[in-house]
N, C-alpha and C. Protein backbone atom coordinates (compact mmCIF):
# COMPACT_ATOMS: atom_id res chain seq x y z
N MET A 1 -48.10 9.33 43.38
CA MET A 1 -47.85 8.14 44.15
C MET A 1 -46.39 8.14 44.60
N THR A 2 -46.14 7.93 45.85
CA THR A 2 -44.79 7.90 46.40
C THR A 2 -44.40 6.47 46.68
N ALA A 3 -43.21 6.10 46.19
CA ALA A 3 -42.72 4.75 46.44
C ALA A 3 -42.09 4.70 47.82
N LEU A 4 -42.48 3.71 48.60
CA LEU A 4 -41.92 3.53 49.93
C LEU A 4 -41.08 2.26 49.94
N THR A 5 -39.96 2.33 50.61
CA THR A 5 -39.08 1.17 50.71
C THR A 5 -38.75 0.93 52.16
N ALA A 6 -38.76 -0.31 52.56
CA ALA A 6 -38.40 -0.68 53.93
C ALA A 6 -37.22 -1.62 53.88
N CYS A 7 -36.40 -1.57 54.90
CA CYS A 7 -35.27 -2.50 54.97
C CYS A 7 -35.03 -2.88 56.44
N VAL A 8 -34.39 -4.00 56.62
CA VAL A 8 -34.07 -4.49 57.96
C VAL A 8 -32.73 -3.88 58.38
N CYS A 9 -32.69 -3.27 59.55
CA CYS A 9 -31.46 -2.66 60.06
C CYS A 9 -30.76 -3.56 61.07
N SER A 10 -31.55 -4.37 61.77
CA SER A 10 -30.96 -5.28 62.75
C SER A 10 -31.92 -6.43 63.02
N VAL A 11 -31.35 -7.50 63.53
CA VAL A 11 -32.13 -8.68 63.89
C VAL A 11 -31.77 -9.03 65.32
N THR A 12 -32.77 -9.36 66.13
CA THR A 12 -32.52 -9.76 67.51
C THR A 12 -32.69 -11.26 67.63
N ILE A 13 -31.65 -11.92 68.10
CA ILE A 13 -31.67 -13.36 68.33
C ILE A 13 -31.46 -13.57 69.83
N GLY A 14 -32.51 -14.00 70.49
CA GLY A 14 -32.44 -14.09 71.95
C GLY A 14 -32.27 -12.71 72.52
N ASP A 15 -31.17 -12.48 73.26
CA ASP A 15 -30.87 -11.17 73.83
C ASP A 15 -29.83 -10.41 73.00
N THR A 16 -29.41 -10.99 71.88
CA THR A 16 -28.34 -10.39 71.07
C THR A 16 -28.91 -9.71 69.83
N GLU A 17 -28.56 -8.43 69.66
CA GLU A 17 -28.98 -7.70 68.46
C GLU A 17 -27.84 -7.73 67.45
N VAL A 18 -28.14 -8.17 66.24
CA VAL A 18 -27.14 -8.27 65.18
C VAL A 18 -27.45 -7.22 64.13
N SER A 19 -26.47 -6.35 63.83
CA SER A 19 -26.65 -5.33 62.79
C SER A 19 -26.68 -5.99 61.43
N VAL A 20 -27.44 -5.39 60.54
CA VAL A 20 -27.56 -5.91 59.17
C VAL A 20 -27.11 -4.82 58.22
N ALA A 21 -26.25 -5.19 57.27
CA ALA A 21 -25.79 -4.24 56.25
C ALA A 21 -26.38 -4.66 54.91
N ARG A 22 -26.84 -3.70 54.14
CA ARG A 22 -27.41 -4.00 52.83
C ARG A 22 -26.29 -4.22 51.83
N ASN A 23 -26.43 -5.23 51.01
CA ASN A 23 -25.48 -5.50 49.95
C ASN A 23 -25.98 -4.80 48.69
N GLU A 24 -25.92 -3.46 48.73
CA GLU A 24 -26.49 -2.67 47.65
C GLU A 24 -25.74 -1.35 47.57
N ASP A 25 -25.55 -0.89 46.36
CA ASP A 25 -24.91 0.40 46.13
C ASP A 25 -25.91 1.51 46.47
N ALA A 26 -25.60 2.31 47.48
CA ALA A 26 -26.53 3.34 47.95
C ALA A 26 -26.82 4.37 46.86
N ASP A 27 -25.81 4.74 46.06
CA ASP A 27 -26.04 5.71 44.98
C ASP A 27 -26.98 5.14 43.92
N GLU A 28 -26.79 3.87 43.58
CA GLU A 28 -27.65 3.22 42.61
C GLU A 28 -29.09 3.15 43.12
N PHE A 29 -29.24 2.88 44.40
CA PHE A 29 -30.56 2.80 45.02
C PHE A 29 -31.26 4.16 44.96
N ARG A 30 -30.53 5.24 45.31
CA ARG A 30 -31.11 6.59 45.27
C ARG A 30 -31.50 6.98 43.84
N GLN A 31 -30.65 6.63 42.87
CA GLN A 31 -30.94 6.95 41.47
C GLN A 31 -32.18 6.20 41.00
N GLU A 32 -32.30 4.94 41.37
CA GLU A 32 -33.47 4.16 40.97
C GLU A 32 -34.75 4.77 41.56
N LEU A 33 -34.70 5.21 42.80
CA LEU A 33 -35.87 5.85 43.40
C LEU A 33 -36.22 7.15 42.68
N ALA A 34 -35.20 7.90 42.28
CA ALA A 34 -35.44 9.17 41.59
C ALA A 34 -36.08 8.93 40.23
N LEU A 35 -35.80 7.79 39.62
CA LEU A 35 -36.32 7.50 38.29
C LEU A 35 -37.67 6.80 38.30
N THR A 36 -38.24 6.58 39.47
CA THR A 36 -39.52 5.88 39.52
C THR A 36 -40.67 6.75 39.03
N GLU A 37 -40.52 8.04 39.06
CA GLU A 37 -41.56 8.95 38.59
C GLU A 37 -41.14 9.51 37.23
N PRO A 38 -41.88 9.19 36.15
CA PRO A 38 -41.48 9.65 34.82
C PRO A 38 -41.60 11.15 34.64
N CYS A 39 -40.77 11.69 33.77
CA CYS A 39 -40.84 13.10 33.40
C CYS A 39 -41.73 13.20 32.16
N LEU A 40 -42.68 14.09 32.19
CA LEU A 40 -43.60 14.23 31.07
C LEU A 40 -43.29 15.49 30.29
N GLY A 41 -43.06 15.33 28.99
CA GLY A 41 -42.83 16.49 28.14
C GLY A 41 -44.12 16.99 27.53
N HIS A 42 -44.97 16.04 27.14
CA HIS A 42 -46.23 16.39 26.49
C HIS A 42 -47.26 15.31 26.82
N VAL A 43 -48.46 15.72 27.12
CA VAL A 43 -49.54 14.78 27.42
C VAL A 43 -50.67 15.03 26.43
N GLU A 44 -51.06 13.99 25.71
CA GLU A 44 -52.19 14.10 24.77
C GLU A 44 -53.46 14.46 25.55
N PRO A 45 -54.34 15.25 24.96
CA PRO A 45 -55.54 15.70 25.68
C PRO A 45 -56.48 14.58 26.11
N GLU A 46 -56.39 13.42 25.46
CA GLU A 46 -57.31 12.33 25.80
C GLU A 46 -56.96 11.63 27.11
N PHE A 47 -55.77 11.91 27.68
CA PHE A 47 -55.34 11.30 28.93
C PHE A 47 -55.00 12.37 29.95
N THR A 48 -55.17 12.05 31.23
CA THR A 48 -54.71 12.95 32.28
C THR A 48 -53.22 12.67 32.52
N GLU A 49 -52.54 13.61 33.13
CA GLU A 49 -51.12 13.40 33.45
C GLU A 49 -50.94 12.18 34.35
N GLN A 50 -51.86 11.98 35.29
CA GLN A 50 -51.78 10.84 36.20
C GLN A 50 -51.90 9.52 35.43
N GLU A 51 -52.82 9.47 34.46
CA GLU A 51 -52.99 8.25 33.66
C GLU A 51 -51.72 7.95 32.86
N VAL A 52 -51.11 8.97 32.30
CA VAL A 52 -49.89 8.78 31.52
C VAL A 52 -48.75 8.31 32.43
N ARG A 53 -48.59 8.94 33.58
CA ARG A 53 -47.54 8.53 34.53
C ARG A 53 -47.72 7.06 34.94
N GLU A 54 -48.96 6.71 35.32
CA GLU A 54 -49.22 5.34 35.75
C GLU A 54 -48.95 4.34 34.63
N GLY A 55 -49.36 4.68 33.41
CA GLY A 55 -49.11 3.80 32.27
C GLY A 55 -47.63 3.63 31.99
N MET A 56 -46.87 4.74 32.04
CA MET A 56 -45.43 4.66 31.81
C MET A 56 -44.75 3.84 32.90
N MET A 57 -45.17 4.03 34.14
CA MET A 57 -44.56 3.29 35.24
C MET A 57 -44.84 1.80 35.11
N GLU A 58 -46.05 1.44 34.66
CA GLU A 58 -46.40 0.03 34.46
C GLU A 58 -45.56 -0.58 33.34
N LYS A 59 -45.38 0.16 32.26
CA LYS A 59 -44.56 -0.34 31.14
C LYS A 59 -43.09 -0.50 31.56
N MET A 60 -42.57 0.45 32.33
CA MET A 60 -41.18 0.34 32.80
C MET A 60 -41.03 -0.86 33.73
N LYS A 61 -42.01 -1.08 34.58
CA LYS A 61 -41.99 -2.24 35.48
C LYS A 61 -41.97 -3.53 34.67
N SER A 62 -42.77 -3.57 33.62
CA SER A 62 -42.82 -4.74 32.75
C SER A 62 -41.49 -4.95 32.04
N MET A 63 -40.90 -3.87 31.50
CA MET A 63 -39.61 -3.99 30.80
C MET A 63 -38.54 -4.45 31.77
N LYS A 64 -38.56 -3.94 32.98
CA LYS A 64 -37.57 -4.35 33.97
C LYS A 64 -37.76 -5.82 34.33
N GLY A 65 -39.01 -6.24 34.50
CA GLY A 65 -39.30 -7.63 34.85
C GLY A 65 -38.89 -8.62 33.78
N PHE A 66 -39.05 -8.22 32.51
CA PHE A 66 -38.68 -9.10 31.40
C PHE A 66 -37.21 -8.97 31.00
N GLU A 67 -36.49 -8.05 31.67
CA GLU A 67 -35.06 -7.83 31.42
C GLU A 67 -34.77 -7.62 29.94
N VAL A 68 -35.47 -6.66 29.33
CA VAL A 68 -35.30 -6.41 27.91
C VAL A 68 -34.32 -5.28 27.60
N TYR A 69 -33.60 -4.84 28.61
CA TYR A 69 -32.60 -3.80 28.38
C TYR A 69 -31.45 -3.99 29.35
N ASP A 70 -30.32 -3.36 29.04
CA ASP A 70 -29.16 -3.37 29.91
C ASP A 70 -28.87 -1.95 30.34
N GLU A 71 -28.65 -1.75 31.62
CA GLU A 71 -28.25 -0.43 32.12
C GLU A 71 -26.73 -0.34 32.00
N ILE A 72 -26.27 0.77 31.47
CA ILE A 72 -24.83 0.97 31.32
C ILE A 72 -24.45 2.33 31.88
N PRO A 73 -23.20 2.48 32.34
CA PRO A 73 -22.77 3.77 32.88
C PRO A 73 -22.83 4.86 31.80
N ILE A 74 -23.26 6.05 32.16
CA ILE A 74 -23.40 7.16 31.22
C ILE A 74 -22.06 7.48 30.55
N GLU A 75 -20.95 7.21 31.25
CA GLU A 75 -19.63 7.52 30.71
C GLU A 75 -19.30 6.67 29.48
N THR A 76 -19.96 5.53 29.33
CA THR A 76 -19.67 4.64 28.21
C THR A 76 -20.57 4.87 27.01
N VAL A 77 -21.52 5.80 27.12
CA VAL A 77 -22.45 6.05 26.03
C VAL A 77 -21.76 6.85 24.94
N HIS A 78 -21.95 6.43 23.70
CA HIS A 78 -21.39 7.14 22.55
C HIS A 78 -22.36 8.23 22.11
N LYS A 79 -21.96 9.02 21.16
CA LYS A 79 -22.82 10.12 20.71
C LYS A 79 -24.12 9.61 20.10
N ARG A 80 -24.10 8.44 19.50
CA ARG A 80 -25.33 7.89 18.90
C ARG A 80 -26.06 7.09 19.97
N THR A 81 -27.14 7.63 20.46
CA THR A 81 -27.94 6.95 21.48
C THR A 81 -29.36 6.78 20.98
N LEU A 82 -30.04 5.85 21.55
CA LEU A 82 -31.44 5.60 21.22
C LEU A 82 -32.32 6.43 22.13
N THR A 83 -33.22 7.15 21.53
CA THR A 83 -34.19 7.92 22.29
C THR A 83 -35.51 7.19 22.23
N MET A 84 -36.15 7.03 23.37
CA MET A 84 -37.41 6.30 23.42
C MET A 84 -38.57 7.27 23.53
N HIS A 85 -39.58 7.07 22.71
CA HIS A 85 -40.79 7.87 22.77
C HIS A 85 -41.95 6.97 23.13
N TRP A 86 -42.81 7.44 24.01
CA TRP A 86 -43.99 6.69 24.41
C TRP A 86 -45.11 6.99 23.42
N THR A 87 -45.76 5.95 22.96
CA THR A 87 -46.85 6.10 22.01
C THR A 87 -48.10 5.45 22.56
N ALA A 88 -49.18 6.17 22.54
CA ALA A 88 -50.46 5.62 23.00
C ALA A 88 -51.16 4.96 21.82
N LEU A 89 -51.44 3.68 21.97
CA LEU A 89 -52.16 2.95 20.94
C LEU A 89 -53.58 2.71 21.41
N GLY A 90 -54.54 3.05 20.59
CA GLY A 90 -55.92 2.96 21.02
C GLY A 90 -56.53 1.68 20.68
């Protein structure tokens, strides 16, 4: 599944075209798009890769919606970091 994004580049009012600039960090936007597709290290035989990807994407969407984490610059991360593992519960 490919994520598509649309944005407004200009608005026409009467005969006047007004340019629109996005109030968004372009690098952050590109990074977020790159992270929309999860990387799979191992897939249990009971699920297809597509099912695992879709499930992970849904969980990430939910975590983002509930704001249960803070994004921080990689430069500020200490040697002790939390690694997250996905677990399928039946």
